Amino acid sequence: MTYFLCLALALVVIMLLWKRAKKPFMHKNISQQDLGTFLEVLLFRGYDRGRLFIRIPNDIRFLQFSKYIDKDSSVGLHFDFPLAEWSTNYYGPLKIALANAGFLFDIKPTGDGRIPEFIVVELKQNSKSALTLALLVLQDIYGLNENDPIELYFENVSPKDEKIGFE
């Protein structure tokens, strides 16, 4: 009986550790001024469709940047903003702010009823424009103070210091 109890306890511990290990590492208490470094990590170390999620602590709001590597070997970043239940109040003002700041954007339909479309800004390899765009959304659209910390995490990004997709 003791053997089975120990085995069951060990399995529970292994399952909890495995579940925790699957979650991406959350970078917490990050200064908005340091975002440029993280955007460059995505650009250089991200695989095709690698992503950077920037979150406001204890809030549902977030920003999403993604990396692409096209068949012709062009590499760059996109900013993707969903039209979702939580983002409806920000969607129209964001389009106006993007236009006023000189950012060209497309509206990409998804075919999904919950998130019918995204605002997509093509940033190519311009991480400085990506930083400007991130700060525009965080401060002008979401109303954060420039000293408010943020959280972020990556998906599909190499832990090594390497350039992926660049020849």
N, C-alpha and C. Protein backbone atom coordinates (compact mmCIF):
# COMPACT_ATOMS: atom_id res chain seq x y z
N MET A 1 0.83 -1.21 0.00
CA MET A 1 0.00 0.00 0.00
C MET A 1 0.87 1.27 0.00
N THR A 2 1.92 1.27 0.81
CA THR A 2 2.81 2.43 0.88
C THR A 2 3.50 2.65 -0.47
N TYR A 3 3.85 1.55 -1.14
CA TYR A 3 4.49 1.63 -2.45
C TYR A 3 3.58 2.35 -3.45
N PHE A 4 2.31 2.02 -3.48
CA PHE A 4 1.36 2.64 -4.41
C PHE A 4 1.13 4.11 -4.07
N LEU A 5 1.11 4.44 -2.79
CA LEU A 5 0.93 5.82 -2.36
C LEU A 5 2.13 6.66 -2.80
N CYS A 6 3.34 6.14 -2.64
CA CYS A 6 4.55 6.86 -3.07
C CYS A 6 4.57 7.02 -4.59
N LEU A 7 4.18 5.97 -5.28
CA LEU A 7 4.13 6.03 -6.73
C LEU A 7 3.12 7.07 -7.22
N ALA A 8 1.95 7.09 -6.60
CA ALA A 8 0.92 8.07 -6.97
C ALA A 8 1.39 9.48 -6.67
N LEU A 9 2.03 9.69 -5.53
CA LEU A 9 2.54 11.00 -5.17
C LEU A 9 3.63 11.44 -6.15
N ALA A 10 4.51 10.52 -6.52
CA ALA A 10 5.57 10.84 -7.49
C ALA A 10 4.97 11.22 -8.84
N LEU A 11 3.93 10.52 -9.28
CA LEU A 11 3.28 10.84 -10.55
C LEU A 11 2.63 12.23 -10.52
N VAL A 12 2.02 12.57 -9.40
CA VAL A 12 1.41 13.89 -9.26
C VAL A 12 2.48 14.98 -9.32
N VAL A 13 3.59 14.78 -8.64
CA VAL A 13 4.68 15.76 -8.66
C VAL A 13 5.23 15.90 -10.08
N ILE A 14 5.44 14.79 -10.77
CA ILE A 14 5.95 14.83 -12.15
C ILE A 14 4.97 15.57 -13.06
N MET A 15 3.68 15.32 -12.92
CA MET A 15 2.68 16.00 -13.75
C MET A 15 2.67 17.50 -13.48
N LEU A 16 2.78 17.90 -12.22
CA LEU A 16 2.80 19.33 -11.88
C LEU A 16 4.05 20.00 -12.44
N LEU A 17 5.20 19.34 -12.33
CA LEU A 17 6.43 19.90 -12.88
C LEU A 17 6.36 19.99 -14.40
N TRP A 18 5.80 18.98 -15.05
CA TRP A 18 5.67 18.99 -16.50
C TRP A 18 4.75 20.12 -16.96
N LYS A 19 3.64 20.30 -16.24
CA LYS A 19 2.70 21.36 -16.60
C LYS A 19 3.35 22.73 -16.44
N ARG A 20 4.11 22.91 -15.37
CA ARG A 20 4.78 24.19 -15.14
C ARG A 20 5.86 24.43 -16.19
N ALA A 21 6.57 23.39 -16.59
CA ALA A 21 7.64 23.53 -17.57
C ALA A 21 7.10 23.91 -18.95
N LYS A 22 5.86 23.58 -19.26
CA LYS A 22 5.28 23.90 -20.56
C LYS A 22 4.94 25.38 -20.71
N LYS A 23 4.77 26.08 -19.59
CA LYS A 23 4.43 27.50 -19.66
C LYS A 23 5.66 28.30 -20.06
N PRO A 24 5.47 29.33 -20.89
CA PRO A 24 6.63 30.15 -21.27
C PRO A 24 7.12 30.96 -20.07
N PHE A 25 8.39 31.27 -20.08
CA PHE A 25 8.97 32.08 -19.00
C PHE A 25 8.46 33.51 -19.11
N MET A 26 7.89 34.01 -18.02
CA MET A 26 7.35 35.36 -17.99
C MET A 26 8.41 36.32 -17.44
N HIS A 27 8.79 37.29 -18.27
CA HIS A 27 9.70 38.35 -17.82
C HIS A 27 8.83 39.39 -17.13
N LYS A 28 9.06 39.60 -15.85
CA LYS A 28 8.21 40.51 -15.07
C LYS A 28 8.95 41.79 -14.70
N ASN A 29 8.17 42.80 -14.41
CA ASN A 29 8.69 44.08 -13.94
C ASN A 29 9.70 44.68 -14.93
N ILE A 30 9.33 44.66 -16.20
CA ILE A 30 10.19 45.16 -17.28
C ILE A 30 9.87 46.63 -17.54
N SER A 31 10.91 47.43 -17.70
CA SER A 31 10.73 48.84 -18.04
C SER A 31 10.32 48.95 -19.50
N GLN A 32 9.40 49.84 -19.79
CA GLN A 32 8.98 50.04 -21.18
C GLN A 32 10.15 50.49 -22.06
N GLN A 33 11.12 51.19 -21.46
CA GLN A 33 12.27 51.66 -22.22
C GLN A 33 13.17 50.50 -22.67
N ASP A 34 13.04 49.34 -22.03
CA ASP A 34 13.85 48.16 -22.39
C ASP A 34 13.20 47.29 -23.47
N LEU A 35 12.03 47.68 -23.94
CA LEU A 35 11.31 46.87 -24.93
C LEU A 35 12.08 46.67 -26.23
N GLY A 36 12.88 47.64 -26.61
CA GLY A 36 13.65 47.52 -27.85
C GLY A 36 14.54 46.29 -27.86
N THR A 37 15.14 45.98 -26.73
CA THR A 37 16.01 44.80 -26.62
C THR A 37 15.21 43.53 -26.88
N PHE A 38 14.02 43.44 -26.32
CA PHE A 38 13.18 42.25 -26.48
C PHE A 38 12.66 42.13 -27.92
N LEU A 39 12.36 43.26 -28.54
CA LEU A 39 11.93 43.22 -29.95
C LEU A 39 13.07 42.76 -30.86
N GLU A 40 14.29 43.16 -30.54
CA GLU A 40 15.44 42.69 -31.32
C GLU A 40 15.68 41.19 -31.11
N VAL A 41 15.46 40.71 -29.89
CA VAL A 41 15.57 39.27 -29.64
C VAL A 41 14.58 38.52 -30.53
N LEU A 42 13.35 39.00 -30.61
CA LEU A 42 12.36 38.37 -31.48
C LEU A 42 12.82 38.41 -32.93
N LEU A 43 13.28 39.56 -33.40
CA LEU A 43 13.69 39.71 -34.79
C LEU A 43 14.85 38.78 -35.12
N PHE A 44 15.86 38.72 -34.29
CA PHE A 44 17.05 37.95 -34.62
C PHE A 44 16.97 36.48 -34.22
N ARG A 45 16.39 36.20 -33.06
CA ARG A 45 16.41 34.82 -32.55
C ARG A 45 15.09 34.08 -32.73
N GLY A 46 14.09 34.76 -33.23
CA GLY A 46 12.80 34.12 -33.42
C GLY A 46 12.80 33.24 -34.66
N TYR A 47 12.08 32.14 -34.55
CA TYR A 47 11.83 31.29 -35.71
C TYR A 47 10.65 31.86 -36.48
N ASP A 48 10.34 31.30 -37.65
CA ASP A 48 9.16 31.75 -38.38
C ASP A 48 7.94 31.60 -37.49
N ARG A 49 7.15 32.65 -37.40
CA ARG A 49 5.97 32.72 -36.54
C ARG A 49 6.30 32.79 -35.05
N GLY A 50 7.54 33.11 -34.72
CA GLY A 50 7.88 33.39 -33.33
C GLY A 50 7.11 34.62 -32.88
N ARG A 51 6.81 34.69 -31.59
CA ARG A 51 5.99 35.81 -31.12
C ARG A 51 6.52 36.38 -29.81
N LEU A 52 6.24 37.65 -29.62
CA LEU A 52 6.49 38.35 -28.37
C LEU A 52 5.16 38.91 -27.90
N PHE A 53 4.77 38.51 -26.69
CA PHE A 53 3.55 39.04 -26.08
C PHE A 53 3.95 40.00 -24.98
N ILE A 54 3.43 41.20 -25.03
CA ILE A 54 3.67 42.23 -24.02
C ILE A 54 2.37 42.41 -23.26
N ARG A 55 2.45 42.21 -21.95
CA ARG A 55 1.23 42.25 -21.12
C ARG A 55 1.33 43.34 -20.07
N ILE A 56 0.18 43.84 -19.71
CA ILE A 56 0.08 44.74 -18.58
C ILE A 56 -0.18 43.86 -17.36
N PRO A 57 0.62 44.01 -16.29
CA PRO A 57 0.44 43.14 -15.13
C PRO A 57 -0.99 43.19 -14.58
N ASN A 58 -1.51 42.01 -14.24
CA ASN A 58 -2.84 41.86 -13.65
C ASN A 58 -3.95 42.46 -14.52
N ASP A 59 -3.82 42.31 -15.82
CA ASP A 59 -4.77 42.90 -16.76
C ASP A 59 -4.89 41.96 -17.96
N ILE A 60 -5.99 42.03 -18.66
CA ILE A 60 -6.20 41.18 -19.84
C ILE A 60 -5.54 41.77 -21.09
N ARG A 61 -5.24 43.05 -21.09
CA ARG A 61 -4.71 43.72 -22.28
C ARG A 61 -3.28 43.26 -22.59
N PHE A 62 -3.00 43.16 -23.88
CA PHE A 62 -1.68 42.76 -24.32
C PHE A 62 -1.39 43.31 -25.71
N LEU A 63 -0.14 43.19 -26.12
CA LEU A 63 0.30 43.50 -27.48
C LEU A 63 0.97 42.25 -28.01
N GLN A 64 0.95 42.09 -29.32
CA GLN A 64 1.56 40.92 -29.94
C GLN A 64 2.38 41.33 -31.16
N PHE A 65 3.63 40.92 -31.16
CA PHE A 65 4.50 41.07 -32.32
C PHE A 65 4.88 39.68 -32.79
N SER A 66 4.97 39.49 -34.09
CA SER A 66 5.34 38.18 -34.62
C SER A 66 6.43 38.34 -35.68
N LYS A 67 7.24 37.29 -35.81
CA LYS A 67 8.31 37.28 -36.80
C LYS A 67 7.88 36.41 -37.98
N TYR A 68 8.29 36.78 -39.16
CA TYR A 68 8.05 35.95 -40.33
C TYR A 68 9.36 35.74 -41.08
N ILE A 69 9.46 34.59 -41.69
CA ILE A 69 10.54 34.29 -42.63
C ILE A 69 9.85 33.77 -43.88
N ASP A 70 9.85 34.59 -44.94
CA ASP A 70 9.16 34.21 -46.18
C ASP A 70 10.01 33.25 -47.01
N LYS A 71 9.37 32.64 -48.00
CA LYS A 71 10.05 31.70 -48.89
C LYS A 71 11.21 32.35 -49.62
N ASP A 72 11.11 33.64 -49.89
CA ASP A 72 12.20 34.34 -50.57
C ASP A 72 13.27 34.82 -49.59
N SER A 73 13.21 34.30 -48.36
CA SER A 73 14.18 34.58 -47.29
C SER A 73 14.08 36.00 -46.74
N SER A 74 12.99 36.71 -47.00
CA SER A 74 12.83 38.01 -46.34
C SER A 74 12.36 37.75 -44.91
N VAL A 75 12.89 38.55 -44.01
CA VAL A 75 12.66 38.38 -42.58
C VAL A 75 12.12 39.70 -42.04
N GLY A 76 11.18 39.64 -41.12
CA GLY A 76 10.68 40.87 -40.53
C GLY A 76 9.71 40.61 -39.41
N LEU A 77 9.16 41.71 -38.92
CA LEU A 77 8.20 41.68 -37.82
C LEU A 77 6.86 42.24 -38.26
N HIS A 78 5.81 41.70 -37.65
CA HIS A 78 4.45 42.23 -37.77
C HIS A 78 3.98 42.61 -36.37
N PHE A 79 3.16 43.63 -36.32
CA PHE A 79 2.38 43.92 -35.11
C PHE A 79 0.98 43.45 -35.42
N ASP A 80 0.39 42.65 -34.52
CA ASP A 80 -0.95 42.09 -34.74
C ASP A 80 -1.84 42.47 -33.56
N PHE A 81 -2.96 43.13 -33.83
CA PHE A 81 -3.88 43.55 -32.77
C PHE A 81 -5.27 43.00 -33.07
N PRO A 82 -5.80 42.17 -32.16
CA PRO A 82 -7.08 41.51 -32.43
C PRO A 82 -8.29 42.40 -32.15
N LEU A 83 -9.33 42.20 -32.93
CA LEU A 83 -10.64 42.75 -32.59
C LEU A 83 -11.33 41.67 -31.78
N ALA A 84 -11.28 41.80 -30.48
CA ALA A 84 -11.85 40.82 -29.55
C ALA A 84 -12.78 41.56 -28.58
N GLU A 85 -13.46 40.80 -27.76
CA GLU A 85 -14.38 41.42 -26.81
C GLU A 85 -13.66 42.44 -25.92
N TRP A 86 -12.47 42.09 -25.43
CA TRP A 86 -11.73 42.98 -24.53
C TRP A 86 -11.14 44.19 -25.25
N SER A 87 -10.90 44.08 -26.57
CA SER A 87 -10.17 45.13 -27.28
C SER A 87 -11.06 46.07 -28.09
N THR A 88 -12.36 45.84 -28.07
CA THR A 88 -13.28 46.63 -28.90
C THR A 88 -13.13 48.13 -28.67
N ASN A 89 -13.01 48.55 -27.42
CA ASN A 89 -12.91 49.98 -27.12
C ASN A 89 -11.59 50.61 -27.58
N TYR A 90 -10.59 49.78 -27.85
CA TYR A 90 -9.28 50.27 -28.27
C TYR A 90 -9.08 50.21 -29.78
N TYR A 91 -9.89 49.43 -30.46
CA TYR A 91 -9.68 49.11 -31.87
C TYR A 91 -9.78 50.35 -32.77
N GLY A 92 -10.85 51.09 -32.65
CA GLY A 92 -11.02 52.31 -33.45
C GLY A 92 -9.97 53.36 -33.13
N PRO A 93 -9.78 53.69 -31.84
CA PRO A 93 -8.73 54.67 -31.51
C PRO A 93 -7.34 54.24 -31.97
N LEU A 94 -7.07 52.93 -31.97
CA LEU A 94 -5.76 52.47 -32.43
C LEU A 94 -5.59 52.74 -33.93
N LYS A 95 -6.63 52.48 -34.72
CA LYS A 95 -6.54 52.75 -36.15
C LYS A 95 -6.24 54.24 -36.41
N ILE A 96 -6.91 55.10 -35.66
CA ILE A 96 -6.69 56.55 -35.82
C ILE A 96 -5.27 56.92 -35.40
N ALA A 97 -4.81 56.40 -34.27
CA ALA A 97 -3.46 56.70 -33.77
C ALA A 97 -2.39 56.19 -34.73
N LEU A 98 -2.60 55.01 -35.30
CA LEU A 98 -1.64 54.48 -36.27
C LEU A 98 -1.55 55.39 -37.49
N ALA A 99 -2.69 55.78 -38.01
CA ALA A 99 -2.71 56.66 -39.18
C ALA A 99 -2.04 58.00 -38.87
N ASN A 100 -2.35 58.56 -37.70
CA ASN A 100 -1.75 59.84 -37.32
C ASN A 100 -0.24 59.76 -37.13
N ALA A 101 0.24 58.59 -36.70
CA ALA A 101 1.67 58.40 -36.48
C ALA A 101 2.40 57.95 -37.75
N GLY A 102 1.65 57.79 -38.85
CA GLY A 102 2.27 57.43 -40.11
C GLY A 102 2.49 55.93 -40.32
N PHE A 103 1.86 55.10 -39.51
CA PHE A 103 1.97 53.65 -39.69
C PHE A 103 0.91 53.18 -40.68
N LEU A 104 1.34 52.47 -41.71
CA LEU A 104 0.41 51.84 -42.63
C LEU A 104 -0.03 50.52 -42.03
N PHE A 105 -1.31 50.19 -42.18
CA PHE A 105 -1.80 48.94 -41.61
C PHE A 105 -2.84 48.33 -42.53
N ASP A 106 -3.01 47.03 -42.35
CA ASP A 106 -4.05 46.28 -43.05
C ASP A 106 -5.00 45.70 -42.03
N ILE A 107 -6.20 45.43 -42.46
CA ILE A 107 -7.17 44.70 -41.65
C ILE A 107 -7.26 43.29 -42.24
N LYS A 108 -6.93 42.29 -41.44
CA LYS A 108 -6.92 40.90 -41.90
C LYS A 108 -8.06 40.14 -41.25
N PRO A 109 -9.07 39.73 -42.02
CA PRO A 109 -10.17 38.92 -41.47
C PRO A 109 -9.65 37.52 -41.10
N THR A 110 -10.27 36.93 -40.07
CA THR A 110 -9.83 35.62 -39.60
C THR A 110 -10.82 34.52 -39.92
N GLY A 111 -12.09 34.86 -40.11
CA GLY A 111 -13.11 33.83 -40.26
C GLY A 111 -13.55 33.24 -38.94
N ASP A 112 -13.05 33.79 -37.85
CA ASP A 112 -13.37 33.33 -36.50
C ASP A 112 -14.37 34.32 -35.89
N GLY A 113 -15.50 33.83 -35.40
CA GLY A 113 -16.52 34.70 -34.84
C GLY A 113 -16.09 35.42 -33.58
N ARG A 114 -15.22 34.80 -32.79
CA ARG A 114 -14.77 35.44 -31.53
C ARG A 114 -13.77 36.56 -31.79
N ILE A 115 -12.90 36.36 -32.77
CA ILE A 115 -11.91 37.37 -33.15
C ILE A 115 -12.00 37.50 -34.67
N PRO A 116 -12.90 38.35 -35.15
CA PRO A 116 -13.16 38.39 -36.60
C PRO A 116 -12.03 38.98 -37.44
N GLU A 117 -11.18 39.83 -36.85
CA GLU A 117 -10.12 40.45 -37.64
C GLU A 117 -8.99 40.95 -36.75
N PHE A 118 -7.88 41.25 -37.41
CA PHE A 118 -6.70 41.83 -36.77
C PHE A 118 -6.28 43.07 -37.52
N ILE A 119 -5.77 44.05 -36.80
CA ILE A 119 -4.99 45.13 -37.39
C ILE A 119 -3.58 44.57 -37.51
N VAL A 120 -2.99 44.67 -38.70
CA VAL A 120 -1.63 44.16 -38.92
C VAL A 120 -0.77 45.29 -39.47
N VAL A 121 0.35 45.54 -38.80
CA VAL A 121 1.32 46.54 -39.25
C VAL A 121 2.59 45.80 -39.64
N GLU A 122 3.01 45.99 -40.88
CA GLU A 122 4.25 45.40 -41.39
C GLU A 122 5.41 46.31 -40.97
N LEU A 123 6.34 45.76 -40.20
CA LEU A 123 7.46 46.55 -39.69
C LEU A 123 8.80 46.19 -40.33
N LYS A 124 8.80 45.16 -41.15
CA LYS A 124 10.03 44.65 -41.79
C LYS A 124 11.08 44.40 -40.71
N GLN A 125 12.28 44.90 -40.87
CA GLN A 125 13.34 44.68 -39.88
C GLN A 125 13.59 45.91 -39.03
N ASN A 126 12.60 46.78 -38.94
CA ASN A 126 12.77 48.04 -38.23
C ASN A 126 12.32 47.90 -36.77
N SER A 127 13.25 47.48 -35.92
CA SER A 127 12.90 47.29 -34.50
C SER A 127 12.64 48.62 -33.80
N LYS A 128 13.22 49.72 -34.32
CA LYS A 128 12.94 51.03 -33.73
C LYS A 128 11.49 51.44 -33.97
N SER A 129 10.98 51.18 -35.17
CA SER A 129 9.56 51.45 -35.44
C SER A 129 8.68 50.55 -34.59
N ALA A 130 9.11 49.30 -34.39
CA ALA A 130 8.35 48.39 -33.53
C ALA A 130 8.28 48.92 -32.11
N LEU A 131 9.39 49.45 -31.61
CA LEU A 131 9.40 50.04 -30.27
C LEU A 131 8.48 51.26 -30.21
N THR A 132 8.57 52.13 -31.20
CA THR A 132 7.70 53.32 -31.25
C THR A 132 6.24 52.90 -31.24
N LEU A 133 5.91 51.89 -32.01
CA LEU A 133 4.53 51.39 -32.08
C LEU A 133 4.09 50.80 -30.74
N ALA A 134 4.95 50.01 -30.11
CA ALA A 134 4.60 49.42 -28.81
C ALA A 134 4.33 50.51 -27.78
N LEU A 135 5.18 51.52 -27.73
CA LEU A 135 4.99 52.60 -26.76
C LEU A 135 3.74 53.41 -27.08
N LEU A 136 3.44 53.59 -28.36
CA LEU A 136 2.21 54.28 -28.77
C LEU A 136 0.99 53.57 -28.19
N VAL A 137 0.96 52.26 -28.35
CA VAL A 137 -0.19 51.50 -27.85
C VAL A 137 -0.23 51.51 -26.33
N LEU A 138 0.90 51.22 -25.70
CA LEU A 138 0.93 51.15 -24.24
C LEU A 138 0.54 52.48 -23.60
N GLN A 139 1.10 53.56 -24.10
CA GLN A 139 0.91 54.85 -23.44
C GLN A 139 -0.28 55.64 -23.97
N ASP A 140 -0.42 55.72 -25.29
CA ASP A 140 -1.48 56.56 -25.85
C ASP A 140 -2.83 55.84 -25.92
N ILE A 141 -2.81 54.54 -26.19
CA ILE A 141 -4.06 53.81 -26.33
C ILE A 141 -4.48 53.19 -24.99
N TYR A 142 -3.56 52.51 -24.31
CA TYR A 142 -3.89 51.87 -23.04
C TYR A 142 -3.79 52.83 -21.85
N GLY A 143 -3.13 53.96 -22.03
CA GLY A 143 -3.05 54.96 -20.97
C GLY A 143 -2.04 54.68 -19.88
N LEU A 144 -1.04 53.86 -20.14
CA LEU A 144 -0.01 53.59 -19.14
C LEU A 144 0.92 54.79 -19.03
N ASN A 145 1.42 55.00 -17.84
CA ASN A 145 2.48 55.98 -17.61
C ASN A 145 3.77 55.36 -18.13
N GLU A 146 4.69 56.17 -18.63
CA GLU A 146 5.94 55.63 -19.18
C GLU A 146 6.77 54.87 -18.15
N ASN A 147 6.51 55.10 -16.87
CA ASN A 147 7.25 54.38 -15.82
C ASN A 147 6.54 53.12 -15.33
N ASP A 148 5.34 52.85 -15.83
CA ASP A 148 4.63 51.63 -15.43
C ASP A 148 5.33 50.41 -16.00
N PRO A 149 5.58 49.40 -15.17
CA PRO A 149 6.25 48.20 -15.67
C PRO A 149 5.29 47.34 -16.49
N ILE A 150 5.89 46.48 -17.29
CA ILE A 150 5.13 45.54 -18.11
C ILE A 150 5.69 44.14 -17.89
N GLU A 151 4.98 43.15 -18.44
CA GLU A 151 5.44 41.76 -18.44
C GLU A 151 5.49 41.31 -19.88
N LEU A 152 6.33 40.33 -20.17
CA LEU A 152 6.35 39.81 -21.52
C LEU A 152 6.88 38.39 -21.55
N TYR A 153 6.53 37.71 -22.64
CA TYR A 153 7.05 36.37 -22.86
C TYR A 153 7.14 36.09 -24.35
N PHE A 154 8.01 35.15 -24.68
CA PHE A 154 8.24 34.75 -26.06
C PHE A 154 7.62 33.39 -26.33
N GLU A 155 7.31 33.17 -27.59
CA GLU A 155 6.97 31.84 -28.10
C GLU A 155 7.79 31.61 -29.36
N ASN A 156 8.37 30.42 -29.47
CA ASN A 156 9.10 30.00 -30.67
C ASN A 156 10.31 30.89 -30.95
N VAL A 157 11.10 31.11 -29.90
CA VAL A 157 12.32 31.91 -30.00
C VAL A 157 13.47 31.10 -29.43
N SER A 158 14.60 31.13 -30.11
CA SER A 158 15.77 30.36 -29.68
C SER A 158 16.36 30.93 -28.39
N PRO A 159 16.76 30.07 -27.46
CA PRO A 159 17.43 30.55 -26.26
C PRO A 159 18.90 30.93 -26.53
N LYS A 160 19.42 30.54 -27.69
CA LYS A 160 20.81 30.83 -28.05
C LYS A 160 20.91 32.21 -28.68
N ASP A 161 22.08 32.81 -28.55
CA ASP A 161 22.33 34.09 -29.19
C ASP A 161 22.73 33.83 -30.63
N GLU A 162 21.74 33.75 -31.52
CA GLU A 162 21.97 33.42 -32.92
C GLU A 162 21.00 34.22 -33.78
N LYS A 163 21.31 34.32 -35.07
CA LYS A 163 20.41 34.98 -36.01
C LYS A 163 19.73 33.92 -36.84
N ILE A 164 18.41 33.89 -36.79
CA ILE A 164 17.64 32.87 -37.49
C ILE A 164 16.93 33.50 -38.69
N GLY A 165 17.15 32.91 -39.86
CA GLY A 165 16.50 33.38 -41.08
C GLY A 165 17.32 34.39 -41.86
N PHE A 166 18.44 34.83 -41.31
CA PHE A 166 19.30 35.79 -41.99
C PHE A 166 20.43 35.02 -42.67
N GLU A 167 20.76 35.43 -43.87
CA GLU A 167 21.85 34.75 -44.59
C GLU A 167 23.16 35.45 -44.39
